[in-house]
Amino acid sequence: MAAVSAHAVAASVADPELPQLTLEDLGILRDVREDGDSVIATITPTYSGCPAMREISHDLAHRLQQAGYRTVEIRTQLSPAWTSDWITATGRAKLAAAGIAPPHTAPVRTGPVPLTLGSRPAVTCPHCGSTNTRETAAFSATACKSLHRCSDCSEPFEQVKAI
């Protein structure tokens, strides 16, 4: 049996596209069940076509095996779908500290969600805190981030998109 819990090991694995975040920070680690030296970890992709899932599964299995778990199974759970609201407060703080604007959180609603057309909420610059920012590209190095520039401090930055 491993000296460290499987959940602790899995929770500490870094995301390959946002390495400042762990799988737990990002909210994609859904479940970890261990039975002696066997473990089943369940993860949810940030979106169904996320190209990082193969690398995440490999890293997660490798880290669990290094921790002493002999039999490791990684499962993917698609429902319920991941939402950027699952990023933890710690994860949001880590994003901002790295100069990446965290996504807006969705208001808690009950019942039907109205479709509202119009401008999106202002993105806060992670460098100076200004909301005087503009999107310069809908996609960044990964499909889950967009590029922005602050009109006050002139710094470019990425934002993790709200999903």
Foldseek 3Di string as FASTA:
>chain_A
DFPDDLCVQQQQPAQPVHRLHGQQLQQFFDDWDDDVLEIETEGEDQDPPDPSPVVSQVSSVVSSVVRRRPHYHYHYDPPPHDWSLSRDPVSQVSCLVVFEFEEDHDDDDPDDDDDDDDDDQQTAGSPPRDSQKDWPACDDPDNQKTWMAHPPVRDIGIYGYGD
